[in-house]
Protein backbone atom coordinates (compact mmCIF):
# COMPACT_ATOMS: atom_id res chain seq x y z
CA MET A 1 -19.60 25.91 -1.30
CA ASN A 2 -19.24 22.22 -0.39
CA TRP A 3 -18.36 22.37 3.33
CA LYS A 4 -17.77 18.63 3.63
CA ARG A 5 -15.14 18.70 0.85
CA THR A 6 -13.56 21.90 2.25
CA SER A 7 -13.34 20.33 5.72
CA ALA A 8 -11.81 17.17 4.31
CA VAL A 9 -9.24 19.13 2.34
CA ALA A 10 -8.35 21.18 5.40
CA VAL A 11 -7.86 18.04 7.48
CA ALA A 12 -5.76 16.43 4.71
CA VAL A 13 -3.59 19.50 4.42
CA SER A 14 -3.13 19.68 8.20
CA VAL A 15 -2.21 16.01 8.38
CA ALA A 16 0.16 16.33 5.40
CA LEU A 17 1.92 19.26 7.04
CA ALA A 18 2.31 17.20 10.19
CA GLY A 19 3.93 14.42 8.14
CA LEU A 20 1.37 11.75 8.90
CA THR A 21 -0.06 9.08 6.60
CA VAL A 22 -3.81 9.12 6.34
CA ALA A 23 -6.15 6.24 5.66
CA THR A 24 -7.77 6.65 2.30
CA PRO A 25 -10.93 5.06 0.98
CA ALA A 26 -10.57 1.87 -1.00
CA GLN A 27 -10.72 2.21 -4.77
CA ALA A 28 -9.13 5.67 -4.50
CA GLY A 29 -7.80 5.76 -8.05
CA ASN A 30 -8.65 2.40 -9.51
CA SER A 31 -10.42 2.11 -12.82
CA TYR A 32 -12.58 -0.60 -11.26
CA THR A 33 -12.52 -3.21 -8.54
CA THR A 34 -13.10 -6.84 -9.49
CA GLN A 35 -15.78 -8.85 -7.70
CA PHE A 36 -12.98 -10.94 -6.17
CA CYS A 37 -11.42 -7.86 -4.57
CA LYS A 38 -14.82 -6.53 -3.47
CA ASP A 39 -15.48 -9.85 -1.73
CA ASN A 40 -11.98 -10.22 -0.22
CA MET A 41 -10.64 -6.68 0.37
CA TYR A 42 -11.36 -6.90 4.12
CA ARG A 43 -10.69 -10.60 4.47
CA LEU A 44 -7.83 -11.08 6.90
CA THR A 45 -5.74 -13.74 5.21
CA ASN A 46 -2.50 -13.55 7.24
CA SER A 47 -0.85 -15.76 4.63
CA GLY A 48 2.56 -14.10 4.63
CA SER A 49 2.78 -14.88 0.96
CA ALA A 50 3.90 -12.64 -1.89
CA THR A 51 1.09 -14.21 -3.95
CA ASP A 52 -1.71 -13.39 -1.46
CA MET A 53 -4.39 -11.97 -3.77
CA PRO A 54 -6.46 -10.21 -1.09
CA MET A 55 -3.25 -8.50 0.09
CA TRP A 56 -2.62 -7.29 -3.48
CA CYS A 57 -6.26 -6.08 -3.70
CA ARG A 58 -5.57 -3.93 -0.60
CA ILE A 59 -2.25 -2.70 -1.99
CA GLN A 60 -3.79 -1.80 -5.35
CA ALA A 61 -6.77 -0.01 -3.71
CA GLY A 62 -4.67 1.66 -0.99
CA PRO A 63 -1.08 2.84 -1.45
CA ALA A 64 -0.68 1.96 -5.15
CA ALA A 65 -3.88 3.83 -6.10
CA THR A 66 -3.02 6.75 -3.87
CA PHE A 67 0.32 7.06 -5.58
CA GLY A 68 -0.64 6.83 -9.22
CA TYR A 69 -1.91 3.35 -9.97
CA THR A 70 -5.07 3.71 -12.01
CA GLY A 71 -5.57 0.12 -13.14
CA PRO A 72 -8.07 -2.32 -11.64
CA ALA A 73 -7.91 -3.62 -8.08
CA ASP A 74 -7.82 -7.25 -9.18
CA GLY A 75 -5.24 -8.90 -6.93
CA TYR A 76 -2.70 -9.38 -9.70
CA PRO A 77 0.36 -7.15 -9.32
CA GLY A 78 1.89 -5.96 -12.58
CA VAL A 79 4.33 -3.30 -13.64
CA ASN A 80 1.92 -0.45 -12.96
CA THR A 81 0.98 -1.81 -9.52
CA TRP A 82 4.66 -1.93 -8.69
CA LYS A 83 5.17 1.63 -9.92
CA GLY A 84 2.46 2.70 -7.47
CA VAL A 85 4.15 0.78 -4.69
CA GLN A 86 7.52 2.33 -5.52
CA ARG A 87 5.96 5.84 -5.47
CA TYR A 88 4.42 5.05 -2.09
CA LEU A 89 7.73 3.80 -0.72
CA THR A 90 9.43 6.93 -2.09
CA ALA A 91 6.88 9.15 -0.33
CA GLU A 92 7.51 7.22 2.88
CA LYS A 93 11.26 7.89 2.42
CA VAL A 94 12.17 4.22 2.46
CA TYR A 95 13.05 3.88 -1.26
CA SER A 96 15.07 6.12 -3.57
CA GLY A 97 15.44 3.91 -6.61
CA PRO A 98 13.83 4.25 -10.01
CA ILE A 99 10.05 4.15 -10.48
CA ASP A 100 10.27 1.45 -13.12
CA GLY A 101 7.68 -1.10 -11.95
CA TYR A 102 10.25 -3.81 -11.52
CA PRO A 103 10.84 -4.72 -7.85
CA GLY A 104 14.37 -5.40 -6.85
CA LYS A 105 16.40 -5.51 -3.67
CA TYR A 106 15.78 -1.87 -2.75
CA THR A 107 12.03 -2.01 -3.41
CA TYR A 108 11.89 -5.08 -1.14
CA MET A 109 13.99 -3.30 1.47
CA GLY A 110 11.45 -0.47 1.44
CA ILE A 111 8.64 -3.02 1.91
CA GLN A 112 10.54 -4.60 4.82
CA THR A 113 11.06 -1.15 6.37
CA ILE A 114 7.32 -0.37 6.21
CA ALA A 115 6.67 -3.85 7.64
CA LYS A 116 9.05 -3.16 10.52
CA ARG A 117 7.80 0.40 11.12
CA SER A 118 4.10 -0.35 11.11
CA GLY A 119 3.45 -4.05 10.76
CA GLY A 120 5.25 -5.80 13.57
CA TYR A 121 8.08 -7.22 11.42
CA THR A 122 11.23 -7.86 13.46
CA GLY A 123 13.51 -9.50 10.88
CA PRO A 124 16.37 -8.04 8.88
CA ILE A 125 16.05 -5.36 6.22
CA ASP A 126 17.96 -7.34 3.59
CA GLY A 127 15.90 -7.04 0.42
CA ALA A 128 14.90 -10.70 0.48
CA PRO A 129 11.32 -10.71 1.80
CA GLY A 130 9.98 -13.86 3.27
CA TYR A 131 6.90 -14.93 5.20
CA TYR A 132 7.23 -12.40 8.04
CA SER A 133 8.15 -9.52 5.68
CA TRP A 134 4.97 -9.98 3.64
CA LEU A 135 2.86 -10.57 6.74
CA GLY A 136 4.19 -7.30 8.29
CA PHE A 137 3.69 -5.32 5.09
CA ASP A 138 0.14 -6.57 4.76
CA ARG A 139 -0.56 -5.70 8.41
CA ALA A 140 0.86 -2.23 7.88
CA ILE A 141 -1.33 -1.68 4.75
CA ARG A 142 -4.42 -3.00 6.52
CA MET A 143 -3.89 -0.65 9.45
CA MET A 144 -2.84 2.47 7.52
CA TRP A 145 -5.38 2.27 4.69
CA PHE A 146 -8.25 0.12 5.89
CA GLY A 147 -8.32 0.42 9.67
CA LEU A 148 -8.17 -3.34 10.12
């Protein structure tokens, strides 16, 4: 019997029953991680930009991979990355829309809610993410998945 695996499963079940989100290892479900993402996964960019590639590396290797994204962690969000994000937001009970891979107002409102809940965002939840929304979402992902 593999006691390390058994212990890890017991901890995960206990945490899940308590309703907590657990940090998961990078590359959880990714098919591969590009060299760019390997080099920049832990780089603190603080750009507050929706096009921040290191942020997308973290999202792809963290919540998206945990919730069904199996593509590469490459820093380029596509339909399947967004499906993983939407599943993550659904699990966090901040999104109830379709899992279609196309972000809209309610996907962005979920991102802003996570940013407010765990990333220090203090702006409105209006579905129009700007600098501080993305900065807060990235902070939340860094803390929850990567311990940064």
